[in-house]
Amino acid sequence: MHAETHAIPASGPIAATLVDTARRLGAKLIVMGLFGRSRLRELLLGGVSRAMLDNSTLPLLLAH
């Protein structure tokens, strides 16, 4: 198994772009880091991490 990097311009929500690109490339797993934000800020503004957790159809490996 190996890792690859790709620079893809966003075409809509970032989380959807990540999942669509990973699926198109045949990825079996998405690995991403999480940034610490206050719970209130995350609730009000949302975030890519929350959208990925809520909507990803691929397995996620998250590190904080």
PDB file of N, CA and C in Angstrom:
ATOM      1  N   MET A   1       0.848  -1.171   0.000  1.00  0.00           N
ATOM      2  CA  MET A   1       0.000   0.000   0.000  1.00  0.00           C
ATOM      3  C   MET A   1       0.893   1.233   0.000  1.00  0.00           C
ATOM      4  N   HIS A   2       0.450   2.281  -0.669  1.00  0.00           N
ATOM      5  CA  HIS A   2       1.215   3.517  -0.712  1.00  0.00           C
ATOM      6  C   HIS A   2       0.279   4.713  -0.626  1.00  0.00           C
ATOM      7  N   ALA A   3       0.842   5.844  -0.312  1.00  0.00           N
ATOM      8  CA  ALA A   3       0.067   7.078  -0.219  1.00  0.00           C
ATOM      9  C   ALA A   3       0.378   7.948  -1.431  1.00  0.00           C
ATOM     10  N   GLU A   4      -0.605   8.747  -1.820  1.00  0.00           N
ATOM     11  CA  GLU A   4      -0.436   9.686  -2.920  1.00  0.00           C
ATOM     12  C   GLU A   4      -0.979  11.037  -2.493  1.00  0.00           C
ATOM     13  N   THR A   5      -0.479  12.084  -3.111  1.00  0.00           N
ATOM     14  CA  THR A   5      -1.043  13.415  -2.908  1.00  0.00           C
ATOM     15  C   THR A   5      -1.540  13.938  -4.254  1.00  0.00           C
ATOM     16  N   HIS A   6      -2.611  14.699  -4.212  1.00  0.00           N
ATOM     17  CA  HIS A   6      -3.194  15.284  -5.411  1.00  0.00           C
ATOM     18  C   HIS A   6      -3.667  16.685  -5.071  1.00  0.00           C
ATOM     19  N   ALA A   7      -3.417  17.636  -5.946  1.00  0.00           N
ATOM     20  CA  ALA A   7      -3.933  18.999  -5.787  1.00  0.00           C
ATOM     21  C   ALA A   7      -5.155  19.121  -6.688  1.00  0.00           C
ATOM     22  N   ILE A   8      -6.316  19.241  -6.077  1.00  0.00           N
ATOM     23  CA  ILE A   8      -7.580  19.302  -6.808  1.00  0.00           C
ATOM     24  C   ILE A   8      -8.283  20.598  -6.433  1.00  0.00           C
ATOM     25  N   PRO A   9      -8.674  21.425  -7.402  1.00  0.00           N
ATOM     26  CA  PRO A   9      -9.433  22.624  -7.052  1.00  0.00           C
ATOM     27  C   PRO A   9     -10.826  22.243  -6.548  1.00  0.00           C
ATOM     28  N   ALA A  10     -11.265  22.925  -5.524  1.00  0.00           N
ATOM     29  CA  ALA A  10     -12.589  22.638  -4.961  1.00  0.00           C
ATOM     30  C   ALA A  10     -13.671  23.074  -5.940  1.00  0.00           C
ATOM     31  N   SER A  11     -14.663  22.225  -6.081  1.00  0.00           N
ATOM     32  CA  SER A  11     -15.809  22.568  -6.933  1.00  0.00           C
ATOM     33  C   SER A  11     -17.067  22.334  -6.107  1.00  0.00           C
ATOM     34  N   GLY A  12     -17.243  23.169  -5.101  1.00  0.00           N
ATOM     35  CA  GLY A  12     -18.357  23.003  -4.175  1.00  0.00           C
ATOM     36  C   GLY A  12     -17.817  22.828  -2.772  1.00  0.00           C
ATOM     37  N   PRO A  13     -18.611  22.223  -1.894  1.00  0.00           N
ATOM     38  CA  PRO A  13     -18.150  22.006  -0.521  1.00  0.00           C
ATOM     39  C   PRO A  13     -16.865  21.161  -0.477  1.00  0.00           C
ATOM     40  N   ILE A  14     -15.944  21.534   0.400  1.00  0.00           N
ATOM     41  CA  ILE A  14     -14.651  20.856   0.491  1.00  0.00           C
ATOM     42  C   ILE A  14     -14.824  19.372   0.807  1.00  0.00           C
ATOM     43  N   ALA A  15     -15.684  19.035   1.762  1.00  0.00           N
ATOM     44  CA  ALA A  15     -15.876  17.632   2.143  1.00  0.00           C
ATOM     45  C   ALA A  15     -16.362  16.811   0.948  1.00  0.00           C
ATOM     46  N   ALA A  16     -17.292  17.346   0.184  1.00  0.00           N
ATOM     47  CA  ALA A  16     -17.798  16.623  -0.990  1.00  0.00           C
ATOM     48  C   ALA A  16     -16.703  16.456  -2.038  1.00  0.00           C
ATOM     49  N   THR A  17     -15.881  17.488  -2.222  1.00  0.00           N
ATOM     50  CA  THR A  17     -14.770  17.401  -3.170  1.00  0.00           C
ATOM     51  C   THR A  17     -13.779  16.320  -2.740  1.00  0.00           C
ATOM     52  N   LEU A  18     -13.474  16.265  -1.440  1.00  0.00           N
ATOM     53  CA  LEU A  18     -12.553  15.242  -0.932  1.00  0.00           C
ATOM     54  C   LEU A  18     -13.085  13.828  -1.179  1.00  0.00           C
ATOM     55  N   VAL A  19     -14.334  13.597  -0.828  1.00  0.00           N
ATOM     56  CA  VAL A  19     -14.922  12.266  -0.978  1.00  0.00           C
ATOM     57  C   VAL A  19     -15.043  11.893  -2.453  1.00  0.00           C
ATOM     58  N   ASP A  20     -15.516  12.812  -3.283  1.00  0.00           N
ATOM     59  CA  ASP A  20     -15.653  12.527  -4.711  1.00  0.00           C
ATOM     60  C   ASP A  20     -14.309  12.215  -5.353  1.00  0.00           C
ATOM     61  N   THR A  21     -13.286  12.997  -5.001  1.00  0.00           N
ATOM     62  CA  THR A  21     -11.950  12.771  -5.561  1.00  0.00           C
ATOM     63  C   THR A  21     -11.390  11.439  -5.088  1.00  0.00           C
ATOM     64  N   ALA A  22     -11.533  11.138  -3.810  1.00  0.00           N
ATOM     65  CA  ALA A  22     -11.034   9.865  -3.282  1.00  0.00           C
ATOM     66  C   ALA A  22     -11.726   8.693  -3.972  1.00  0.00           C
ATOM     67  N   ARG A  23     -13.016   8.794  -4.144  1.00  0.00           N
ATOM     68  CA  ARG A  23     -13.769   7.731  -4.817  1.00  0.00           C
ATOM     69  C   ARG A  23     -13.310   7.580  -6.272  1.00  0.00           C
ATOM     70  N   ARG A  24     -13.155   8.715  -6.973  1.00  0.00           N
ATOM     71  CA  ARG A  24     -12.715   8.692  -8.369  1.00  0.00           C
ATOM     72  C   ARG A  24     -11.327   8.071  -8.525  1.00  0.00           C
ATOM     73  N   LEU A  25     -10.449   8.305  -7.545  1.00  0.00           N
ATOM     74  CA  LEU A  25      -9.086   7.766  -7.586  1.00  0.00           C
ATOM     75  C   LEU A  25      -9.018   6.319  -7.104  1.00  0.00           C
ATOM     76  N   GLY A  26     -10.135   5.795  -6.611  1.00  0.00           N
ATOM     77  CA  GLY A  26     -10.155   4.416  -6.134  1.00  0.00           C
ATOM     78  C   GLY A  26      -9.604   4.239  -4.728  1.00  0.00           C
ATOM     79  N   ALA A  27      -9.594   5.308  -3.942  1.00  0.00           N
ATOM     80  CA  ALA A  27      -9.083   5.225  -2.564  1.00  0.00           C
ATOM     81  C   ALA A  27      -9.982   4.334  -1.718  1.00  0.00           C
ATOM     82  N   LYS A  28      -9.379   3.642  -0.804  1.00  0.00           N
ATOM     83  CA  LYS A  28     -10.121   2.784   0.127  1.00  0.00           C
ATOM     84  C   LYS A  28     -10.253   3.419   1.505  1.00  0.00           C
ATOM     85  N   LEU A  29      -9.505   4.525   1.739  1.00  0.00           N
ATOM     86  CA  LEU A  29      -9.442   5.164   3.049  1.00  0.00           C
ATOM     87  C   LEU A  29      -9.050   6.623   2.865  1.00  0.00           C
ATOM     88  N   ILE A  30      -9.638   7.499   3.667  1.00  0.00           N
ATOM     89  CA  ILE A  30      -9.237   8.904   3.702  1.00  0.00           C
ATOM     90  C   ILE A  30      -8.580   9.157   5.051  1.00  0.00           C
ATOM     91  N   VAL A  31      -7.365   9.690   5.017  1.00  0.00           N
ATOM     92  CA  VAL A  31      -6.624  10.020   6.232  1.00  0.00           C
ATOM     93  C   VAL A  31      -6.585  11.537   6.339  1.00  0.00           C
ATOM     94  N   MET A  32      -7.001  12.056   7.485  1.00  0.00           N
ATOM     95  CA  MET A  32      -6.981  13.508   7.663  1.00  0.00           C
ATOM     96  C   MET A  32      -6.742  13.889   9.115  1.00  0.00           C
ATOM     97  N   GLY A  33      -6.142  15.042   9.300  1.00  0.00           N
ATOM     98  CA  GLY A  33      -5.919  15.578  10.640  1.00  0.00           C
ATOM     99  C   GLY A  33      -7.072  16.475  11.034  1.00  0.00           C
ATOM    100  N   LEU A  34      -7.284  16.601  12.324  1.00  0.00           N
ATOM    101  CA  LEU A  34      -8.342  17.460  12.858  1.00  0.00           C
ATOM    102  C   LEU A  34      -7.709  18.634  13.585  1.00  0.00           C
ATOM    103  N   PHE A  35      -8.317  19.795  13.455  1.00  0.00           N
ATOM    104  CA  PHE A  35      -7.853  20.970  14.172  1.00  0.00           C
ATOM    105  C   PHE A  35      -8.783  21.229  15.332  1.00  0.00           C
ATOM    106  N   GLY A  36      -8.221  21.638  16.448  1.00  0.00           N
ATOM    107  CA  GLY A  36      -9.035  21.927  17.620  1.00  0.00           C
ATOM    108  C   GLY A  36      -9.720  23.279  17.522  1.00  0.00           C
ATOM    109  N   ARG A  37     -11.016  23.287  17.593  1.00  0.00           N
ATOM    110  CA  ARG A  37     -11.815  24.509  17.641  1.00  0.00           C
ATOM    111  C   ARG A  37     -12.779  24.375  18.804  1.00  0.00           C
ATOM    112  N   SER A  38     -13.266  25.503  19.269  1.00  0.00           N
ATOM    113  CA  SER A  38     -14.245  25.417  20.346  1.00  0.00           C
ATOM    114  C   SER A  38     -15.508  24.750  19.824  1.00  0.00           C
ATOM    115  N   ARG A  39     -16.228  24.083  20.710  1.00  0.00           N
ATOM    116  CA  ARG A  39     -17.468  23.411  20.303  1.00  0.00           C
ATOM    117  C   ARG A  39     -18.490  24.414  19.773  1.00  0.00           C
ATOM    118  N   LEU A  40     -18.546  25.603  20.354  1.00  0.00           N
ATOM    119  CA  LEU A  40     -19.492  26.618  19.906  1.00  0.00           C
ATOM    120  C   LEU A  40     -19.156  27.072  18.485  1.00  0.00           C
ATOM    121  N   ARG A  41     -17.900  27.336  18.230  1.00  0.00           N
ATOM    122  CA  ARG A  41     -17.498  27.771  16.887  1.00  0.00           C
ATOM    123  C   ARG A  41     -17.783  26.677  15.863  1.00  0.00           C
ATOM    124  N   GLU A  42     -17.490  25.446  16.205  1.00  0.00           N
ATOM    125  CA  GLU A  42     -17.758  24.321  15.305  1.00  0.00           C
ATOM    126  C   GLU A  42     -19.263  24.187  15.052  1.00  0.00           C
ATOM    127  N   LEU A  43     -20.067  24.364  16.092  1.00  0.00           N
ATOM    128  CA  LEU A  43     -21.524  24.275  15.944  1.00  0.00           C
ATOM    129  C   LEU A  43     -22.054  25.377  15.035  1.00  0.00           C
ATOM    130  N   LEU A  44     -21.554  26.594  15.216  1.00  0.00           N
ATOM    131  CA  LEU A  44     -22.047  27.732  14.438  1.00  0.00           C
ATOM    132  C   LEU A  44     -21.527  27.743  13.001  1.00  0.00           C
ATOM    133  N   LEU A  45     -20.261  27.426  12.826  1.00  0.00           N
ATOM    134  CA  LEU A  45     -19.641  27.543  11.509  1.00  0.00           C
ATOM    135  C   LEU A  45     -19.534  26.218  10.762  1.00  0.00           C
ATOM    136  N   GLY A  46     -19.743  25.122  11.463  1.00  0.00           N
ATOM    137  CA  GLY A  46     -19.565  23.830  10.811  1.00  0.00           C
ATOM    138  C   GLY A  46     -18.090  23.582  10.585  1.00  0.00           C
ATOM    139  N   GLY A  47     -17.761  22.750   9.653  1.00  0.00           N
ATOM    140  CA  GLY A  47     -16.368  22.497   9.349  1.00  0.00           C
ATOM    141  C   GLY A  47     -16.239  21.265   8.495  1.00  0.00           C
ATOM    142  N   VAL A  48     -15.096  21.177   7.846  1.00  0.00           N
ATOM    143  CA  VAL A  48     -14.840  20.044   6.963  1.00  0.00           C
ATOM    144  C   VAL A  48     -14.828  18.749   7.760  1.00  0.00           C
ATOM    145  N   SER A  49     -14.215  18.764   8.935  1.00  0.00           N
ATOM    146  CA  SER A  49     -14.150  17.546   9.751  1.00  0.00           C
ATOM    147  C   SER A  49     -15.548  17.027  10.077  1.00  0.00           C
ATOM    148  N   ARG A  50     -16.431  17.925  10.513  1.00  0.00           N
ATOM    149  CA  ARG A  50     -17.796  17.523  10.859  1.00  0.00           C
ATOM    150  C   ARG A  50     -18.526  17.005   9.627  1.00  0.00           C
ATOM    151  N   ALA A  51     -18.376  17.686   8.502  1.00  0.00           N
ATOM    152  CA  ALA A  51     -19.037  17.249   7.267  1.00  0.00           C
ATOM    153  C   ALA A  51     -18.519  15.880   6.830  1.00  0.00           C
ATOM    154  N   MET A  52     -17.223  15.652   6.982  1.00  0.00           N
ATOM    155  CA  MET A  52     -16.657  14.345   6.619  1.00  0.00           C
ATOM    156  C   MET A  52     -17.217  13.259   7.529  1.00  0.00           C
ATOM    157  N   LEU A  53     -17.278  13.527   8.829  1.00  0.00           N
ATOM    158  CA  LEU A  53     -17.817  12.535   9.763  1.00  0.00           C
ATOM    159  C   LEU A  53     -19.282  12.238   9.471  1.00  0.00           C
ATOM    160  N   ASP A  54     -20.027  13.249   9.094  1.00  0.00           N
ATOM    161  CA  ASP A  54     -21.458  13.080   8.853  1.00  0.00           C
ATOM    162  C   ASP A  54     -21.768  12.441   7.501  1.00  0.00           C
ATOM    163  N   ASN A  55     -20.936  12.682   6.480  1.00  0.00           N
ATOM    164  CA  ASN A  55     -21.333  12.341   5.119  1.00  0.00           C
ATOM    165  C   ASN A  55     -20.400  11.417   4.345  1.00  0.00           C
ATOM    166  N   SER A  56     -19.216  11.129   4.859  1.00  0.00           N
ATOM    167  CA  SER A  56     -18.278  10.328   4.074  1.00  0.00           C
ATOM    168  C   SER A  56     -18.792   8.907   3.859  1.00  0.00           C
ATOM    169  N   THR A  57     -18.679   8.455   2.633  1.00  0.00           N
ATOM    170  CA  THR A  57     -19.050   7.078   2.304  1.00  0.00           C
ATOM    171  C   THR A  57     -17.829   6.173   2.309  1.00  0.00           C
ATOM    172  N   LEU A  58     -16.661   6.748   2.564  1.00  0.00           N
ATOM    173  CA  LEU A  58     -15.423   5.982   2.670  1.00  0.00           C
ATOM    174  C   LEU A  58     -14.968   5.976   4.128  1.00  0.00           C
ATOM    175  N   PRO A  59     -14.232   4.938   4.533  1.00  0.00           N
ATOM    176  CA  PRO A  59     -13.692   4.939   5.899  1.00  0.00           C
ATOM    177  C   PRO A  59     -12.736   6.122   6.111  1.00  0.00           C
ATOM    178  N   LEU A  60     -12.749   6.645   7.329  1.00  0.00           N
ATOM    179  CA  LEU A  60     -11.888   7.777   7.690  1.00  0.00           C
ATOM    180  C   LEU A  60     -10.915   7.353   8.787  1.00  0.00           C
ATOM    181  N   LEU A  61      -9.678   7.817   8.682  1.00  0.00           N
ATOM    182  CA  LEU A  61      -8.686   7.693   9.750  1.00  0.00           C
ATOM    183  C   LEU A  61      -8.368   9.124  10.155  1.00  0.00           C
ATOM    184  N   LEU A  62      -8.781   9.495  11.365  1.00  0.00           N
ATOM    185  CA  LEU A  62      -8.646  10.876  11.830  1.00  0.00           C
ATOM    186  C   LEU A  62      -7.631  10.951  12.958  1.00  0.00           C
ATOM    187  N   ALA A  63      -6.803  12.010  12.927  1.00  0.00           N
ATOM    188  CA  ALA A  63      -5.828  12.238  13.987  1.00  0.00           C
ATOM    189  C   ALA A  63      -5.967  13.672  14.459  1.00  0.00           C
ATOM    190  N   HIS A  64      -5.905  13.855  15.776  1.00  0.00           N
ATOM    191  CA  HIS A  64      -6.033  15.199  16.348  1.00  0.00           C
ATOM    192  C   HIS A  64      -4.687  15.623  16.886  1.00  0.00           C
TER     193      HIS A  64
END
